Amino acid sequence: MKHLTEPLRYCRSLTDIDGDLLRSIGVKTLLVDLDNTLVFWHTSDCLPGASDWLEERRRDGFDVYLFSNAGKKRAESFASEHGIGILPYAGKPWTCLFRNLSKRIRAPKSEWAVIGDQIYTDVLCGNLMGVKTLYVFPYSEREWWWTRFVRRIERFVLKKRGIL
């Protein structure tokens, strides 16, 4: 059994995750983090390639949901602008909202993947829910103070795993 903080795949950036990769691991539904995965932290400014990536995944037939701990207004605005679903106030890494997700997402959870830049929220939550997880390296070091602290632990873990 893999560790709860071990993703199925490590990816340098969101744009490294294409439709062929997702189909090869049996994914049809994407739960994508917002800050430092799709946008610069605490903004609505897309990271390079993120807007095109979202459009390509939608065009490829994937169901895409914003799966974020960000505030509802900011998350709704982004989701609406990009034509994707939204699961705001995800409460990651806690899985208490999982039942609500299962009601909203029609695909079986074996076809879901959580994509995000944090091991101790995105990856941990996805693994606790029993879905596939893909870790993308954070784009920027500009983050909330607590996240910067947790990143130190993440870097240690990634070095120990031989990823960094």
Protein backbone atom coordinates (compact mmCIF):
# COMPACT_ATOMS: atom_id res chain seq x y z
CA MET A 1 0.00 0.00 0.00
CA LYS A 2 1.30 3.43 -0.90
CA HIS A 3 1.60 6.20 1.65
CA LEU A 4 -1.37 8.58 1.92
CA THR A 5 0.85 11.47 0.83
CA GLU A 6 2.19 9.66 -2.24
CA PRO A 7 0.50 10.72 -5.50
CA LEU A 8 -0.02 8.40 -8.42
CA ARG A 9 2.11 10.78 -10.56
CA TYR A 10 4.43 13.74 -10.04
CA CYS A 11 4.20 16.32 -12.82
CA ARG A 12 6.37 19.40 -13.35
CA SER A 13 3.31 21.48 -14.24
CA LEU A 14 -0.36 21.21 -15.10
CA THR A 15 0.47 21.36 -18.79
CA ASP A 16 2.39 18.06 -18.47
CA ILE A 17 -0.94 16.33 -17.80
CA ASP A 18 -2.54 15.69 -21.18
CA GLY A 19 -5.65 13.82 -22.21
CA ASP A 20 -3.68 10.72 -23.22
CA LEU A 21 -2.11 10.43 -19.76
CA LEU A 22 -5.48 10.86 -18.06
CA ARG A 23 -7.18 8.29 -20.29
CA SER A 24 -4.30 5.84 -19.74
CA ILE A 25 -4.97 5.86 -15.99
CA GLY A 26 -8.75 5.61 -16.43
CA VAL A 27 -9.68 9.19 -15.48
CA LYS A 28 -12.78 10.98 -16.77
CA THR A 29 -13.44 13.51 -13.99
CA LEU A 30 -10.89 16.09 -12.84
CA LEU A 31 -10.95 17.84 -9.46
CA VAL A 32 -8.42 20.62 -9.91
CA ASP A 33 -6.99 22.89 -7.24
CA LEU A 34 -6.96 26.66 -7.86
CA ASP A 35 -4.04 28.48 -6.18
CA ASN A 36 -0.60 27.67 -7.57
CA THR A 37 -2.12 24.97 -9.81
CA LEU A 38 -4.34 27.02 -12.13
CA VAL A 39 -3.69 30.60 -10.96
CA PHE A 40 -1.13 32.63 -9.10
CA TRP A 41 -1.83 32.52 -5.37
CA HIS A 42 -4.83 34.57 -4.25
CA THR A 43 -5.51 36.04 -7.71
CA SER A 44 -7.59 35.10 -10.73
CA ASP A 45 -4.61 35.42 -13.07
CA CYS A 46 -4.07 32.09 -14.84
CA LEU A 47 -0.67 30.49 -14.76
CA PRO A 48 0.96 30.13 -18.20
CA GLY A 49 -0.91 27.51 -20.21
CA ALA A 50 -3.62 26.90 -17.58
CA SER A 51 -6.50 28.47 -19.50
CA ASP A 52 -5.64 26.51 -22.66
CA TRP A 53 -5.21 23.34 -20.58
CA LEU A 54 -8.73 23.72 -19.15
CA GLU A 55 -10.20 24.28 -22.60
CA GLU A 56 -8.34 21.25 -24.01
CA ARG A 57 -9.52 18.96 -21.21
CA ARG A 58 -13.12 20.09 -21.70
CA ARG A 59 -12.80 19.62 -25.47
CA ASP A 60 -11.32 16.12 -24.81
CA GLY A 61 -14.55 15.25 -22.96
CA PHE A 62 -13.33 15.37 -19.36
CA ASP A 63 -15.61 16.69 -16.64
CA VAL A 64 -13.60 19.40 -14.89
CA TYR A 65 -14.38 20.79 -11.44
CA LEU A 66 -12.60 23.42 -9.44
CA PHE A 67 -11.77 21.72 -6.13
CA SER A 68 -10.46 24.45 -3.91
CA ASN A 69 -10.29 25.75 -0.37
CA ALA A 70 -10.52 29.27 -1.84
CA GLY A 71 -13.44 31.52 -1.02
CA LYS A 72 -16.70 30.81 -2.80
CA LYS A 73 -16.95 34.15 -4.64
CA ARG A 74 -13.45 33.95 -6.10
CA ALA A 75 -13.81 30.27 -6.99
CA GLU A 76 -17.24 30.78 -8.59
CA SER A 77 -15.93 33.67 -10.66
CA PHE A 78 -13.03 31.61 -11.99
CA ALA A 79 -15.17 28.54 -12.67
CA SER A 80 -17.79 30.60 -14.49
CA GLU A 81 -15.18 32.36 -16.62
CA HIS A 82 -13.68 29.02 -17.69
CA GLY A 83 -16.89 27.00 -18.04
CA ILE A 84 -16.04 24.40 -15.40
CA GLY A 85 -17.91 23.03 -12.40
CA ILE A 86 -17.12 24.13 -8.89
CA LEU A 87 -16.74 22.44 -5.54
CA PRO A 88 -15.89 25.43 -3.32
CA TYR A 89 -14.79 25.25 0.31
CA ALA A 90 -13.46 21.78 -0.36
CA GLY A 91 -12.13 21.52 3.18
CA LYS A 92 -9.03 19.68 1.98
CA PRO A 93 -7.54 17.49 3.34
CA TRP A 94 -10.64 16.55 5.34
CA THR A 95 -13.04 14.33 3.44
CA CYS A 96 -16.27 15.18 5.27
CA LEU A 97 -17.65 16.76 2.08
CA PHE A 98 -17.00 13.58 0.10
CA ARG A 99 -20.63 12.50 0.31
CA ASN A 100 -21.67 15.78 -1.32
CA LEU A 101 -19.14 15.24 -4.10
CA SER A 102 -20.44 11.75 -4.76
CA LYS A 103 -23.94 13.18 -5.23
CA ARG A 104 -22.79 15.91 -7.65
CA ILE A 105 -20.36 13.87 -9.75
CA ARG A 106 -22.00 11.13 -11.78
CA ALA A 107 -18.85 9.17 -12.65
CA PRO A 108 -17.67 6.45 -10.26
CA LYS A 109 -14.82 7.60 -8.03
CA SER A 110 -12.51 5.12 -9.78
CA GLU A 111 -12.61 7.60 -12.68
CA TRP A 112 -11.79 10.71 -10.61
CA ALA A 113 -8.43 12.41 -10.19
CA VAL A 114 -7.44 15.20 -7.82
CA ILE A 115 -4.80 17.49 -9.32
CA GLY A 116 -2.99 19.95 -7.08
CA ASP A 117 0.25 21.44 -5.83
CA GLN A 118 0.15 20.45 -2.16
CA ILE A 119 0.95 17.05 -0.72
CA TYR A 120 -0.76 17.67 2.62
CA THR A 121 -4.02 18.99 1.18
CA ASP A 122 -4.63 17.92 -2.43
CA VAL A 123 -2.79 14.59 -2.49
CA LEU A 124 -3.76 13.59 1.04
CA CYS A 125 -7.43 14.43 0.45
CA GLY A 126 -7.57 12.56 -2.85
CA ASN A 127 -5.92 9.50 -1.36
CA LEU A 128 -8.22 9.57 1.68
CA MET A 129 -11.19 9.71 -0.72
CA GLY A 130 -9.78 6.73 -2.60
CA VAL A 131 -9.28 8.53 -5.92
CA LYS A 132 -6.27 8.99 -8.18
CA THR A 133 -3.94 11.89 -7.36
CA LEU A 134 -1.56 13.90 -9.52
CA TYR A 135 0.86 16.30 -7.88
CA VAL A 136 2.04 19.37 -9.80
CA PHE A 137 4.97 21.36 -8.52
CA PRO A 138 3.90 24.81 -7.27
CA TYR A 139 4.47 27.56 -9.79
CA SER A 140 5.29 30.34 -7.36
CA GLU A 141 6.71 30.75 -3.87
CA ARG A 142 4.22 33.54 -3.09
CA GLU A 143 1.78 31.87 -0.71
CA TRP A 144 0.01 32.09 2.60
CA TRP A 145 2.42 31.95 5.57
CA TRP A 146 1.15 28.56 6.72
CA THR A 147 1.57 27.06 3.26
CA ARG A 148 5.16 28.35 3.13
CA PHE A 149 5.79 26.56 6.42
CA VAL A 150 4.26 23.28 5.19
CA ARG A 151 6.29 23.56 1.96
CA ARG A 152 9.44 23.02 4.04
CA ILE A 153 8.09 19.66 5.15
CA GLU A 154 7.03 18.86 1.59
CA ARG A 155 10.52 19.64 0.26
CA PHE A 156 12.03 17.31 2.86
CA VAL A 157 9.62 14.52 1.87
CA LEU A 158 10.20 15.07 -1.86
CA LYS A 159 13.98 14.96 -1.37
CA LYS A 160 13.67 11.77 0.68
CA ARG A 161 11.61 10.21 -2.14
CA GLY A 162 14.23 11.29 -4.68
CA ILE A 163 11.83 13.61 -6.48
CA LEU A 164 13.85 16.80 -5.84
